[in-house]
Full PDB file with SEQRES, HELIX, SHEET, SSBOND, CRYST1, ORIGX, SCALE, CONECT and MASTER records, all heavy atoms in Angstrom:
SEQRES   1 A   41  LEU ILE GLU ASN ARG LYS THR ARG GLU GLY ALA ILE VAL          
SEQRES   2 A   41  ILE ASP SER THR ALA THR TYR LEU LYS GLU ASP VAL GLU          
SEQRES   3 A   41  LYS TYR TYR GLU TRP LYS SER ASN TYR CYS ILE ASN VAL          
SEQRES   4 A   41  ILE VAL                                                      
HELIX    1 AA1 ILE A    2  ARG A    5  1                                   4    
HELIX    2 AA2 LYS A   22  LYS A   27  5                                   6    
SHEET    1 AA1 2 ALA A  11  ILE A  14  0                                        
SHEET    2 AA1 2 TYR A  28  TRP A  31 -1                                        
CRYST1    1.000    1.000    1.000  90.00  90.00  90.00 P 1           1          
ORIGX1      1.000000  0.000000  0.000000        0.00000                         
ORIGX2      0.000000  1.000000  0.000000        0.00000                         
ORIGX3      0.000000  0.000000  1.000000        0.00000                         
SCALE1      1.000000  0.000000  0.000000        0.00000                         
SCALE2      0.000000  1.000000  0.000000        0.00000                         
SCALE3      0.000000  0.000000  1.000000        0.00000                         
ATOM      1  N   LEU A   1      -1.469 -13.454 -14.842  1.00  0.00           N  
ATOM      2  CA  LEU A   1      -0.349 -13.254 -13.924  1.00  0.00           C  
ATOM      3  C   LEU A   1      -0.559 -14.038 -12.633  1.00  0.00           C  
ATOM      4  O   LEU A   1       0.361 -14.681 -12.123  1.00  0.00           O  
ATOM      5  CB  LEU A   1      -0.193 -11.769 -13.612  1.00  0.00           C  
ATOM      6  CG  LEU A   1       0.976 -11.368 -12.712  1.00  0.00           C  
ATOM      7  CD1 LEU A   1       2.292 -11.716 -13.370  1.00  0.00           C  
ATOM      8  CD2 LEU A   1       0.914  -9.887 -12.398  1.00  0.00           C  
ATOM      9  N   ILE A   2      -1.772 -13.990 -12.094  1.00  0.00           N  
ATOM     10  CA  ILE A   2      -2.079 -14.747 -10.885  1.00  0.00           C  
ATOM     11  C   ILE A   2      -1.851 -16.233 -11.121  1.00  0.00           C  
ATOM     12  O   ILE A   2      -1.248 -16.933 -10.296  1.00  0.00           O  
ATOM     13  CB  ILE A   2      -3.534 -14.495 -10.435  1.00  0.00           C  
ATOM     14  CG1 ILE A   2      -3.674 -13.075  -9.879  1.00  0.00           C  
ATOM     15  CG2 ILE A   2      -3.975 -15.517  -9.392  1.00  0.00           C  
ATOM     16  CD1 ILE A   2      -5.104 -12.670  -9.572  1.00  0.00           C  
ATOM     17  N   GLU A   3      -2.316 -16.736 -12.245  1.00  0.00           N  
ATOM     18  CA  GLU A   3      -2.189 -18.156 -12.551  1.00  0.00           C  
ATOM     19  C   GLU A   3      -0.724 -18.578 -12.624  1.00  0.00           C  
ATOM     20  O   GLU A   3      -0.352 -19.674 -12.198  1.00  0.00           O  
ATOM     21  CB  GLU A   3      -2.897 -18.471 -13.871  1.00  0.00           C  
ATOM     22  CG  GLU A   3      -3.027 -19.950 -14.169  1.00  0.00           C  
ATOM     23  CD  GLU A   3      -3.881 -20.694 -13.149  1.00  0.00           C  
ATOM     24  OE1 GLU A   3      -4.817 -20.085 -12.587  1.00  0.00           O  
ATOM     25  OE2 GLU A   3      -3.599 -21.884 -12.915  1.00  0.00           O  
ATOM     26  N   ASN A   4       0.135 -17.691 -13.119  1.00  0.00           N  
ATOM     27  CA  ASN A   4       1.550 -18.015 -13.285  1.00  0.00           C  
ATOM     28  C   ASN A   4       2.355 -17.881 -11.999  1.00  0.00           C  
ATOM     29  O   ASN A   4       3.411 -18.498 -11.851  1.00  0.00           O  
ATOM     30  CB  ASN A   4       2.180 -17.116 -14.366  1.00  0.00           C  
ATOM     31  CG  ASN A   4       1.679 -17.462 -15.752  1.00  0.00           C  
ATOM     32  OD1 ASN A   4       1.239 -18.586 -16.004  1.00  0.00           O  
ATOM     33  ND2 ASN A   4       1.722 -16.495 -16.656  1.00  0.00           N  
ATOM     34  N   ARG A   5       1.887 -17.067 -11.061  1.00  0.00           N  
ATOM     35  CA  ARG A   5       2.702 -16.754  -9.893  1.00  0.00           C  
ATOM     36  C   ARG A   5       2.094 -17.209  -8.562  1.00  0.00           C  
ATOM     37  O   ARG A   5       2.707 -17.045  -7.514  1.00  0.00           O  
ATOM     38  CB  ARG A   5       2.975 -15.246  -9.830  1.00  0.00           C  
ATOM     39  CG  ARG A   5       3.667 -14.723 -11.063  1.00  0.00           C  
ATOM     40  CD  ARG A   5       4.073 -13.281 -10.890  1.00  0.00           C  
ATOM     41  NE  ARG A   5       5.174 -13.127  -9.970  1.00  0.00           N  
ATOM     42  CZ  ARG A   5       6.453 -13.338 -10.271  1.00  0.00           C  
ATOM     43  NH1 ARG A   5       6.785 -13.776 -11.463  1.00  0.00           N  
ATOM     44  NH2 ARG A   5       7.401 -13.151  -9.387  1.00  0.00           N  
ATOM     45  N   LYS A   6       0.917 -17.790  -8.595  1.00  0.00           N  
ATOM     46  CA  LYS A   6       0.256 -18.189  -7.355  1.00  0.00           C  
ATOM     47  C   LYS A   6       0.968 -19.371  -6.706  1.00  0.00           C  
ATOM     48  O   LYS A   6       1.653 -20.153  -7.365  1.00  0.00           O  
ATOM     49  CB  LYS A   6      -1.197 -18.560  -7.638  1.00  0.00           C  
ATOM     50  CG  LYS A   6      -1.342 -19.854  -8.450  1.00  0.00           C  
ATOM     51  CD  LYS A   6      -2.791 -20.183  -8.708  1.00  0.00           C  
ATOM     52  CE  LYS A   6      -2.905 -21.490  -9.493  1.00  0.00           C  
ATOM     53  NZ  LYS A   6      -4.302 -21.862  -9.788  1.00  0.00           N  
ATOM     54  N   THR A   7       0.817 -19.468  -5.397  1.00  0.00           N  
ATOM     55  CA  THR A   7       1.212 -20.660  -4.662  1.00  0.00           C  
ATOM     56  C   THR A   7      -0.070 -21.420  -4.336  1.00  0.00           C  
ATOM     57  O   THR A   7      -1.161 -21.011  -4.709  1.00  0.00           O  
ATOM     58  CB  THR A   7       1.926 -20.288  -3.354  1.00  0.00           C  
ATOM     59  OG1 THR A   7       0.986 -19.572  -2.517  1.00  0.00           O  
ATOM     60  CG2 THR A   7       3.134 -19.411  -3.613  1.00  0.00           C  
ATOM     61  N   ARG A   8       0.061 -22.527  -3.620  1.00  0.00           N  
ATOM     62  CA  ARG A   8      -1.155 -23.252  -3.241  1.00  0.00           C  
ATOM     63  C   ARG A   8      -2.028 -22.415  -2.300  1.00  0.00           C  
ATOM     64  O   ARG A   8      -3.230 -22.647  -2.186  1.00  0.00           O  
ATOM     65  CB  ARG A   8      -0.805 -24.597  -2.590  1.00  0.00           C  
ATOM     66  CG  ARG A   8      -0.241 -24.493  -1.183  1.00  0.00           C  
ATOM     67  CD  ARG A   8      -0.152 -25.861  -0.504  1.00  0.00           C  
ATOM     68  NE  ARG A   8       0.215 -25.732   0.891  1.00  0.00           N  
ATOM     69  CZ  ARG A   8       1.447 -25.742   1.345  1.00  0.00           C  
ATOM     70  NH1 ARG A   8       2.453 -25.884   0.485  1.00  0.00           N  
ATOM     71  NH2 ARG A   8       1.698 -25.614   2.631  1.00  0.00           N  
ATOM     72  N   GLU A   9      -1.388 -21.425  -1.626  1.00  0.00           N  
ATOM     73  CA  GLU A   9      -2.139 -20.546  -0.730  1.00  0.00           C  
ATOM     74  C   GLU A   9      -2.824 -19.407  -1.474  1.00  0.00           C  
ATOM     75  O   GLU A   9      -3.678 -18.726  -0.927  1.00  0.00           O  
ATOM     76  CB  GLU A   9      -1.212 -19.965   0.342  1.00  0.00           C  
ATOM     77  CG  GLU A   9      -0.603 -21.003   1.281  1.00  0.00           C  
ATOM     78  CD  GLU A   9       0.693 -21.591   0.728  1.00  0.00           C  
ATOM     79  OE1 GLU A   9       1.155 -21.133  -0.347  1.00  0.00           O  
ATOM     80  OE2 GLU A   9       1.239 -22.501   1.362  1.00  0.00           O  
ATOM     81  N   GLY A  10      -2.414 -19.163  -2.715  1.00  0.00           N  
ATOM     82  CA  GLY A  10      -3.045 -18.111  -3.506  1.00  0.00           C  
ATOM     83  C   GLY A  10      -2.055 -17.047  -3.945  1.00  0.00           C  
ATOM     84  O   GLY A  10      -0.869 -17.309  -4.137  1.00  0.00           O  
ATOM     85  N   ALA A  11      -2.559 -15.826  -4.074  1.00  0.00           N  
ATOM     86  CA  ALA A  11      -1.726 -14.710  -4.522  1.00  0.00           C  
ATOM     87  C   ALA A  11      -2.273 -13.420  -3.927  1.00  0.00           C  
ATOM     88  O   ALA A  11      -3.413 -13.367  -3.471  1.00  0.00           O  
ATOM     89  CB  ALA A  11      -1.713 -14.625  -6.047  1.00  0.00           C  
ATOM     90  N   ILE A  12      -1.433 -12.388  -3.907  1.00  0.00           N  
ATOM     91  CA  ILE A  12      -1.840 -11.077  -3.438  1.00  0.00           C  
ATOM     92  C   ILE A  12      -1.617 -10.077  -4.569  1.00  0.00           C  
ATOM     93  O   ILE A  12      -0.531 -10.039  -5.164  1.00  0.00           O  
ATOM     94  CB  ILE A  12      -1.048 -10.655  -2.185  1.00  0.00           C  
ATOM     95  CG1 ILE A  12      -1.347 -11.626  -1.036  1.00  0.00           C  
ATOM     96  CG2 ILE A  12      -1.413  -9.234  -1.761  1.00  0.00           C  
ATOM     97  CD1 ILE A  12      -0.523 -11.367   0.207  1.00  0.00           C  
ATOM     98  N   VAL A  13      -2.638  -9.296  -4.849  1.00  0.00           N  
ATOM     99  CA  VAL A  13      -2.556  -8.272  -5.892  1.00  0.00           C  
ATOM    100  C   VAL A  13      -2.605  -6.911  -5.203  1.00  0.00           C  
ATOM    101  O   VAL A  13      -3.507  -6.644  -4.404  1.00  0.00           O  
ATOM    102  CB  VAL A  13      -3.713  -8.403  -6.895  1.00  0.00           C  
ATOM    103  CG1 VAL A  13      -3.612  -7.323  -7.968  1.00  0.00           C  
ATOM    104  CG2 VAL A  13      -3.722  -9.783  -7.530  1.00  0.00           C  
ATOM    105  N   ILE A  14      -1.611  -6.067  -5.490  1.00  0.00           N  
ATOM    106  CA  ILE A  14      -1.510  -4.763  -4.837  1.00  0.00           C  
ATOM    107  C   ILE A  14      -1.399  -3.678  -5.899  1.00  0.00           C  
ATOM    108  O   ILE A  14      -0.604  -3.790  -6.837  1.00  0.00           O  
ATOM    109  CB  ILE A  14      -0.277  -4.691  -3.913  1.00  0.00           C  
ATOM    110  CG1 ILE A  14      -0.273  -5.867  -2.922  1.00  0.00           C  
ATOM    111  CG2 ILE A  14      -0.236  -3.371  -3.153  1.00  0.00           C  
ATOM    112  CD1 ILE A  14       0.997  -5.950  -2.081  1.00  0.00           C  
ATOM    113  N   ASP A  15      -2.163  -2.629  -5.745  1.00  0.00           N  
ATOM    114  CA  ASP A  15      -2.038  -1.453  -6.598  1.00  0.00           C  
ATOM    115  C   ASP A  15      -0.654  -0.846  -6.357  1.00  0.00           C  
ATOM    116  O   ASP A  15      -0.248  -0.648  -5.210  1.00  0.00           O  
ATOM    117  CB  ASP A  15      -3.139  -0.455  -6.232  1.00  0.00           C  
ATOM    118  CG  ASP A  15      -3.231   0.708  -7.209  1.00  0.00           C  
ATOM    119  OD1 ASP A  15      -2.181   1.249  -7.601  1.00  0.00           O  
ATOM    120  OD2 ASP A  15      -4.360   1.098  -7.543  1.00  0.00           O  
ATOM    121  N   SER A  16       0.083  -0.556  -7.414  1.00  0.00           N  
ATOM    122  CA  SER A  16       1.451  -0.055  -7.265  1.00  0.00           C  
ATOM    123  C   SER A  16       1.505   1.314  -6.597  1.00  0.00           C  
ATOM    124  O   SER A  16       2.562   1.730  -6.122  1.00  0.00           O  
ATOM    125  CB  SER A  16       2.148   0.015  -8.631  1.00  0.00           C  
ATOM    126  OG  SER A  16       1.477   0.921  -9.492  1.00  0.00           O  
ATOM    127  N   THR A  17       0.362   2.007  -6.534  1.00  0.00           N  
ATOM    128  CA  THR A  17       0.331   3.310  -5.860  1.00  0.00           C  
ATOM    129  C   THR A  17       0.010   3.173  -4.369  1.00  0.00           C  
ATOM    130  O   THR A  17      -0.005   4.179  -3.648  1.00  0.00           O  
ATOM    131  CB  THR A  17      -0.718   4.236  -6.496  1.00  0.00           C  
ATOM    132  OG1 THR A  17      -2.032   3.690  -6.280  1.00  0.00           O  
ATOM    133  CG2 THR A  17      -0.485   4.384  -7.995  1.00  0.00           C  
ATOM    134  N   ALA A  18      -0.245   1.957  -3.902  1.00  0.00           N  
ATOM    135  CA  ALA A  18      -0.664   1.751  -2.512  1.00  0.00           C  
ATOM    136  C   ALA A  18       0.472   2.045  -1.538  1.00  0.00           C  
ATOM    137  O   ALA A  18       1.612   1.618  -1.735  1.00  0.00           O  
ATOM    138  CB  ALA A  18      -1.146   0.321  -2.316  1.00  0.00           C  
ATOM    139  N   THR A  19       0.131   2.771  -0.485  1.00  0.00           N  
ATOM    140  CA  THR A  19       1.063   2.974   0.620  1.00  0.00           C  
ATOM    141  C   THR A  19       0.830   1.878   1.651  1.00  0.00           C  
ATOM    142  O   THR A  19       0.030   0.968   1.441  1.00  0.00           O  
ATOM    143  CB  THR A  19       0.848   4.349   1.274  1.00  0.00           C  
ATOM    144  OG1 THR A  19      -0.431   4.349   1.940  1.00  0.00           O  
ATOM    145  CG2 THR A  19       0.873   5.456   0.227  1.00  0.00           C  
ATOM    146  N   TYR A  20       1.517   1.978   2.795  1.00  0.00           N  
ATOM    147  CA  TYR A  20       1.320   1.016   3.881  1.00  0.00           C  
ATOM    148  C   TYR A  20       0.434   1.621   4.963  1.00  0.00           C  
ATOM    149  O   TYR A  20       0.424   1.168   6.099  1.00  0.00           O  
ATOM    150  CB  TYR A  20       2.673   0.608   4.470  1.00  0.00           C  
ATOM    151  CG  TYR A  20       2.662  -0.722   5.169  1.00  0.00           C  
ATOM    152  CD1 TYR A  20       2.421  -1.894   4.456  1.00  0.00           C  
ATOM    153  CD2 TYR A  20       2.909  -0.828   6.531  1.00  0.00           C  
ATOM    154  CE1 TYR A  20       2.422  -3.119   5.084  1.00  0.00           C  
ATOM    155  CE2 TYR A  20       2.917  -2.059   7.175  1.00  0.00           C  
ATOM    156  CZ  TYR A  20       2.666  -3.196   6.437  1.00  0.00           C  
ATOM    157  OH  TYR A  20       2.655  -4.422   7.070  1.00  0.00           O  
ATOM    158  N   LEU A  21      -0.338   2.630   4.570  1.00  0.00           N  
ATOM    159  CA  LEU A  21      -1.225   3.314   5.510  1.00  0.00           C  
ATOM    160  C   LEU A  21      -2.632   2.709   5.452  1.00  0.00           C  
ATOM    161  O   LEU A  21      -3.035   2.129   4.436  1.00  0.00           O  
ATOM    162  CB  LEU A  21      -1.287   4.811   5.180  1.00  0.00           C  
ATOM    163  CG  LEU A  21       0.056   5.550   5.219  1.00  0.00           C  
ATOM    164  CD1 LEU A  21      -0.115   6.986   4.760  1.00  0.00           C  
ATOM    165  CD2 LEU A  21       0.651   5.506   6.630  1.00  0.00           C  
ATOM    166  N   LYS A  22      -3.364   2.868   6.530  1.00  0.00           N  
ATOM    167  CA  LYS A  22      -4.671   2.244   6.672  1.00  0.00           C  
ATOM    168  C   LYS A  22      -5.631   2.663   5.576  1.00  0.00           C  
ATOM    169  O   LYS A  22      -6.458   1.865   5.114  1.00  0.00           O  
ATOM    170  CB  LYS A  22      -5.256   2.585   8.052  1.00  0.00           C  
ATOM    171  CG  LYS A  22      -6.524   1.836   8.393  1.00  0.00           C  
ATOM    172  CD  LYS A  22      -6.959   2.138   9.816  1.00  0.00           C  
ATOM    173  CE  LYS A  22      -8.207   1.354  10.194  1.00  0.00           C  
ATOM    174  NZ  LYS A  22      -8.638   1.633  11.585  1.00  0.00           N  
ATOM    175  N   GLU A  23      -5.527   3.905   5.126  1.00  0.00           N  
ATOM    176  CA  GLU A  23      -6.493   4.385   4.131  1.00  0.00           C  
ATOM    177  C   GLU A  23      -6.335   3.715   2.765  1.00  0.00           C  
ATOM    178  O   GLU A  23      -7.204   3.851   1.899  1.00  0.00           O  
ATOM    179  CB  GLU A  23      -6.392   5.912   3.957  1.00  0.00           C  
ATOM    180  CG  GLU A  23      -5.000   6.411   3.613  1.00  0.00           C  
ATOM    181  CD  GLU A  23      -4.293   6.984   4.830  1.00  0.00           C  
ATOM    182  OE1 GLU A  23      -4.513   6.463   5.943  1.00  0.00           O  
ATOM    183  OE2 GLU A  23      -3.543   7.958   4.653  1.00  0.00           O  
ATOM    184  N   ASP A  24      -5.238   2.991   2.572  1.00  0.00           N  
ATOM    185  CA  ASP A  24      -5.023   2.317   1.295  1.00  0.00           C  
ATOM    186  C   ASP A  24      -5.327   0.823   1.349  1.00  0.00           C  
ATOM    187  O   ASP A  24      -4.966   0.078   0.432  1.00  0.00           O  
ATOM    188  CB  ASP A  24      -3.570   2.514   0.828  1.00  0.00           C  
ATOM    189  CG  ASP A  24      -3.388   3.828   0.076  1.00  0.00           C  
ATOM    190  OD1 ASP A  24      -4.396   4.507  -0.175  1.00  0.00           O  
ATOM    191  OD2 ASP A  24      -2.237   4.174  -0.247  1.00  0.00           O  
ATOM    192  N   VAL A  25      -6.000   0.380   2.403  1.00  0.00           N  
ATOM    193  CA  VAL A  25      -6.252  -1.053   2.567  1.00  0.00           C  
ATOM    194  C   VAL A  25      -7.061  -1.623   1.406  1.00  0.00           C  
ATOM    195  O   VAL A  25      -6.907  -2.803   1.039  1.00  0.00           O  
ATOM    196  CB  VAL A  25      -6.967  -1.330   3.918  1.00  0.00           C  
ATOM    197  CG1 VAL A  25      -8.365  -0.738   3.924  1.00  0.00           C  
ATOM    198  CG2 VAL A  25      -7.005  -2.816   4.224  1.00  0.00           C  
ATOM    199  N   GLU A  26      -7.897  -0.802   0.777  1.00  0.00           N  
ATOM    200  CA  GLU A  26      -8.711  -1.282  -0.332  1.00  0.00           C  
ATOM    201  C   GLU A  26      -7.905  -1.490  -1.610  1.00  0.00           C  
ATOM    202  O   GLU A  26      -8.444  -1.989  -2.608  1.00  0.00           O  
ATOM    203  CB  GLU A  26      -9.865  -0.308  -0.595  1.00  0.00           C  
ATOM    204  CG  GLU A  26     -10.886  -0.261   0.545  1.00  0.00           C  
ATOM    205  CD  GLU A  26     -12.062   0.641   0.242  1.00  0.00           C  
ATOM    206  OE1 GLU A  26     -12.038   1.299  -0.814  1.00  0.00           O  
ATOM    207  OE2 GLU A  26     -12.998   0.688   1.064  1.00  0.00           O  
ATOM    208  N   LYS A  27      -6.637  -1.120  -1.587  1.00  0.00           N  
ATOM    209  CA  LYS A  27      -5.780  -1.344  -2.753  1.00  0.00           C  
ATOM    210  C   LYS A  27      -5.028  -2.674  -2.668  1.00  0.00           C  
ATOM    211  O   LYS A  27      -4.201  -2.976  -3.521  1.00  0.00           O  
ATOM    212  CB  LYS A  27      -4.778  -0.190  -2.899  1.00  0.00           C  
ATOM    213  CG  LYS A  27      -5.439   1.148  -3.226  1.00  0.00           C  
ATOM    214  CD  LYS A  27      -4.392   2.253  -3.409  1.00  0.00           C  
ATOM    215  CE  LYS A  27      -5.058   3.574  -3.769  1.00  0.00           C  
ATOM    216  NZ  LYS A  27      -4.052   4.659  -3.964  1.00  0.00           N  
ATOM    217  N   TYR A  28      -5.320  -3.436  -1.628  1.00  0.00           N  
ATOM    218  CA  TYR A  28      -4.719  -4.759  -1.442  1.00  0.00           C  
ATOM    219  C   TYR A  28      -5.794  -5.814  -1.669  1.00  0.00           C  
ATOM    220  O   TYR A  28      -6.872  -5.758  -1.068  1.00  0.00           O  
ATOM    221  CB  TYR A  28      -4.144  -4.914  -0.031  1.00  0.00           C  
ATOM    222  CG  TYR A  28      -2.925  -4.067   0.241  1.00  0.00           C  
ATOM    223  CD1 TYR A  28      -3.042  -2.692   0.444  1.00  0.00           C  
ATOM    224  CD2 TYR A  28      -1.659  -4.638   0.300  1.00  0.00           C  
ATOM    225  CE1 TYR A  28      -1.921  -1.912   0.695  1.00  0.00           C  
ATOM    226  CE2 TYR A  28      -0.534  -3.867   0.559  1.00  0.00           C  
ATOM    227  CZ  TYR A  28      -0.676  -2.500   0.755  1.00  0.00           C  
ATOM    228  OH  TYR A  28       0.437  -1.732   1.007  1.00  0.00           O  
ATOM    229  N   TYR A  29      -5.509  -6.788  -2.526  1.00  0.00           N  
ATOM    230  CA  TYR A  29      -6.483  -7.823  -2.853  1.00  0.00           C  
ATOM    231  C   TYR A  29      -5.845  -9.194  -2.644  1.00  0.00           C  
ATOM    232  O   TYR A  29      -4.723  -9.444  -3.080  1.00  0.00           O  
ATOM    233  CB  TYR A  29      -6.939  -7.698  -4.309  1.00  0.00           C  
ATOM    234  CG  TYR A  29      -7.381  -6.306  -4.695  1.00  0.00           C  
ATOM    235  CD1 TYR A  29      -6.457  -5.390  -5.203  1.00  0.00           C  
ATOM    236  CD2 TYR A  29      -8.694  -5.899  -4.534  1.00  0.00           C  
ATOM    237  CE1 TYR A  29      -6.847  -4.101  -5.545  1.00  0.00           C  
ATOM    238  CE2 TYR A  29      -9.092  -4.615  -4.884  1.00  0.00           C  
ATOM    239  CZ  TYR A  29      -8.161  -3.729  -5.388  1.00  0.00           C  
ATOM    240  OH  TYR A  29      -8.542  -2.455  -5.728  1.00  0.00           O  
ATOM    241  N   GLU A  30      -6.588 -10.059  -1.985  1.00  0.00           N  
ATOM    242  CA  GLU A  30      -6.103 -11.425  -1.757  1.00  0.00           C  
ATOM    243  C   GLU A  30      -6.891 -12.379  -2.629  1.00  0.00           C  
ATOM    244  O   GLU A  30      -8.125 -12.332  -2.669  1.00  0.00           O  
ATOM    245  CB  GLU A  30      -6.265 -11.797  -0.281  1.00  0.00           C  
ATOM    246  CG  GLU A  30      -5.695 -13.156   0.066  1.00  0.00           C  
ATOM    247  CD  GLU A  30      -5.780 -13.458   1.544  1.00  0.00           C  
ATOM    248  OE1 GLU A  30      -5.176 -12.714   2.337  1.00  0.00           O  
ATOM    249  OE2 GLU A  30      -6.457 -14.427   1.904  1.00  0.00           O  
ATOM    250  N   TRP A  31      -6.184 -13.224  -3.335  1.00  0.00           N  
ATOM    251  CA  TRP A  31      -6.826 -14.205  -4.214  1.00  0.00           C  
ATOM    252  C   TRP A  31      -6.445 -15.599  -3.758  1.00  0.00           C  
ATOM    253  O   TRP A  31      -5.282 -15.876  -3.461  1.00  0.00           O  
ATOM    254  CB  TRP A  31      -6.353 -13.993  -5.658  1.00  0.00           C  
ATOM    255  CG  TRP A  31      -6.967 -14.961  -6.639  1.00  0.00           C  
ATOM    256  CD1 TRP A  31      -8.067 -14.764  -7.419  1.00  0.00           C  
ATOM    257  CD2 TRP A  31      -6.507 -16.284  -6.939  1.00  0.00           C  
ATOM    258  NE1 TRP A  31      -8.321 -15.865  -8.180  1.00  0.00           N  
ATOM    259  CE2 TRP A  31      -7.382 -16.822  -7.907  1.00  0.00           C  
ATOM    260  CE3 TRP A  31      -5.454 -17.070  -6.482  1.00  0.00           C  
ATOM    261  CZ2 TRP A  31      -7.237 -18.103  -8.427  1.00  0.00           C  
ATOM    262  CZ3 TRP A  31      -5.297 -18.352  -6.981  1.00  0.00           C  
ATOM    263  CH2 TRP A  31      -6.186 -18.859  -7.959  1.00  0.00           C  
ATOM    264  N   LYS A  32      -7.419 -16.479  -3.675  1.00  0.00           N  
ATOM    265  CA  LYS A  32      -7.119 -17.878  -3.383  1.00  0.00           C  
ATOM    266  C   LYS A  32      -8.189 -18.766  -3.994  1.00  0.00           C  
ATOM    267  O   LYS A  32      -9.334 -18.336  -4.217  1.00  0.00           O  
ATOM    268  CB  LYS A  32      -7.025 -18.131  -1.875  1.00  0.00           C  
ATOM    269  CG  LYS A  32      -8.260 -17.804  -1.073  1.00  0.00           C  
ATOM    270  CD  LYS A  32      -7.991 -18.046   0.414  1.00  0.00           C  
ATOM    271  CE  LYS A  32      -9.202 -17.686   1.259  1.00  0.00           C  
ATOM    272  NZ  LYS A  32      -8.937 -17.914   2.704  1.00  0.00           N  
ATOM    273  N   SER A  33      -7.805 -19.995  -4.261  1.00  0.00           N  
ATOM    274  CA  SER A  33      -8.730 -20.949  -4.869  1.00  0.00           C  
ATOM    275  C   SER A  33      -9.744 -21.430  -3.843  1.00  0.00           C  
ATOM    276  O   SER A  33      -9.400 -21.668  -2.683  1.00  0.00           O  
ATOM    277  CB  SER A  33      -7.962 -22.153  -5.422  1.00  0.00           C  
ATOM    278  OG  SER A  33      -7.049 -21.765  -6.419  1.00  0.00           O  
ATOM    279  N   ASN A  34     -10.974 -21.573  -4.266  1.00  0.00           N  
ATOM    280  CA  ASN A  34     -12.021 -22.160  -3.440  1.00  0.00           C  
ATOM    281  C   ASN A  34     -12.578 -23.375  -4.161  1.00  0.00           C  
ATOM    282  O   ASN A  34     -12.841 -23.330  -5.362  1.00  0.00           O  
ATOM    283  CB  ASN A  34     -13.150 -21.154  -3.183  1.00  0.00           C  
ATOM    284  CG  ASN A  34     -12.741 -20.068  -2.215  1.00  0.00           C  
ATOM    285  OD1 ASN A  34     -12.145 -20.357  -1.189  1.00  0.00           O  
ATOM    286  ND2 ASN A  34     -13.052 -18.825  -2.533  1.00  0.00           N  
ATOM    287  N   TYR A  35     -12.714 -24.454  -3.432  1.00  0.00           N  
ATOM    288  CA  TYR A  35     -13.217 -25.689  -4.018  1.00  0.00           C  
ATOM    289  C   TYR A  35     -14.568 -26.028  -3.398  1.00  0.00           C  
ATOM    290  O   TYR A  35     -14.739 -25.969  -2.181  1.00  0.00           O  
ATOM    291  CB  TYR A  35     -12.221 -26.829  -3.788  1.00  0.00           C  
ATOM    292  CG  TYR A  35     -10.877 -26.556  -4.393  1.00  0.00           C  
ATOM    293  CD1 TYR A  35      -9.856 -25.993  -3.634  1.00  0.00           C  
ATOM    294  CD2 TYR A  35     -10.627 -26.828  -5.739  1.00  0.00           C  
ATOM    295  CE1 TYR A  35      -8.614 -25.716  -4.190  1.00  0.00           C  
ATOM    296  CE2 TYR A  35      -9.389 -26.549  -6.304  1.00  0.00           C  
ATOM    297  CZ  TYR A  35      -8.394 -25.998  -5.531  1.00  0.00           C  
ATOM    298  OH  TYR A  35      -7.164 -25.727  -6.084  1.00  0.00           O  
ATOM    299  N   CYS A  36     -15.517 -26.381  -4.234  1.00  0.00           N  
ATOM    300  CA  CYS A  36     -16.860 -26.683  -3.771  1.00  0.00           C  
ATOM    301  C   CYS A  36     -17.254 -28.093  -4.200  1.00  0.00           C  
ATOM    302  O   CYS A  36     -16.915 -28.543  -5.307  1.00  0.00           O  
ATOM    303  CB  CYS A  36     -17.872 -25.687  -4.347  1.00  0.00           C  
ATOM    304  SG  CYS A  36     -17.555 -23.974  -3.870  1.00  0.00           S  
ATOM    305  N   ILE A  37     -17.971 -28.787  -3.333  1.00  0.00           N  
ATOM    306  CA  ILE A  37     -18.541 -30.075  -3.702  1.00  0.00           C  
ATOM    307  C   ILE A  37     -20.012 -30.074  -3.292  1.00  0.00           C  
ATOM    308  O   ILE A  37     -20.400 -29.396  -2.344  1.00  0.00           O  
ATOM    309  CB  ILE A  37     -17.809 -31.256  -3.025  1.00  0.00           C  
ATOM    310  CG1 ILE A  37     -17.881 -31.127  -1.496  1.00  0.00           C  
ATOM    311  CG2 ILE A  37     -16.381 -31.371  -3.502  1.00  0.00           C  
ATOM    312  CD1 ILE A  37     -17.350 -32.352  -0.773  1.00  0.00           C  
ATOM    313  N   ASN A  38     -20.809 -30.808  -4.027  1.00  0.00           N  
ATOM    314  CA  ASN A  38     -22.215 -30.948  -3.692  1.00  0.00           C  
ATOM    315  C   ASN A  38     -22.378 -32.065  -2.662  1.00  0.00           C  
ATOM    316  O   ASN A  38     -21.825 -33.157  -2.824  1.00  0.00           O  
ATOM    317  CB  ASN A  38     -23.038 -31.272  -4.942  1.00  0.00           C  
ATOM    318  CG  ASN A  38     -23.072 -30.110  -5.913  1.00  0.00           C  
ATOM    319  OD1 ASN A  38     -23.130 -28.959  -5.496  1.00  0.00           O  
ATOM    320  ND2 ASN A  38     -23.023 -30.407  -7.205  1.00  0.00           N  
ATOM    321  N   VAL A  39     -23.113 -31.793  -1.610  1.00  0.00           N  
ATOM    322  CA  VAL A  39     -23.321 -32.792  -0.567  1.00  0.00           C  
ATOM    323  C   VAL A  39     -24.792 -32.852  -0.190  1.00  0.00           C  
ATOM    324  O   VAL A  39     -25.559 -31.939  -0.474  1.00  0.00           O  
ATOM    325  CB  VAL A  39     -22.493 -32.477   0.706  1.00  0.00           C  
ATOM    326  CG1 VAL A  39     -21.008 -32.474   0.397  1.00  0.00           C  
ATOM    327  CG2 VAL A  39     -22.915 -31.143   1.327  1.00  0.00           C  
ATOM    328  N   ILE A  40     -25.160 -33.940   0.453  1.00  0.00           N  
ATOM    329  CA  ILE A  40     -26.497 -34.087   1.017  1.00  0.00           C  
ATOM    330  C   ILE A  40     -26.370 -33.958   2.523  1.00  0.00           C  
ATOM    331  O   ILE A  40     -25.615 -34.696   3.161  1.00  0.00           O  
ATOM    332  CB  ILE A  40     -27.097 -35.458   0.652  1.00  0.00           C  
ATOM    333  CG1 ILE A  40     -27.213 -35.594  -0.865  1.00  0.00           C  
ATOM    334  CG2 ILE A  40     -28.461 -35.642   1.320  1.00  0.00           C  
ATOM    335  CD1 ILE A  40     -27.606 -36.973  -1.320  1.00  0.00           C  
ATOM    336  N   VAL A  41     -27.056 -32.980   3.098  1.00  0.00           N  
ATOM    337  CA  VAL A  41     -26.996 -32.760   4.535  1.00  0.00           C  
ATOM    338  C   VAL A  41     -27.932 -33.752   5.222  1.00  0.00           C  
ATOM    339  O   VAL A  41     -29.133 -33.764   4.968  1.00  0.00           O  
ATOM    340  CB  VAL A  41     -27.386 -31.311   4.888  1.00  0.00           C  
ATOM    341  CG1 VAL A  41     -27.393 -31.118   6.405  1.00  0.00           C  
ATOM    342  CG2 VAL A  41     -26.421 -30.328   4.227  1.00  0.00           C  
TER     343      VAL A  41                                                      
MASTER        0    0    0    2    2    0    0    6  342    1    0    4          
END                                                                             
């Protein structure tokens, strides 16, 4: 689902039971692509 609906900025996954209250913050998940390259410092 994430792969089909993501933008270049990523996607947000929310538990359908989540409220907008502070105690439910752990039911919100942010997904985004991270790109890594090997470098010599």
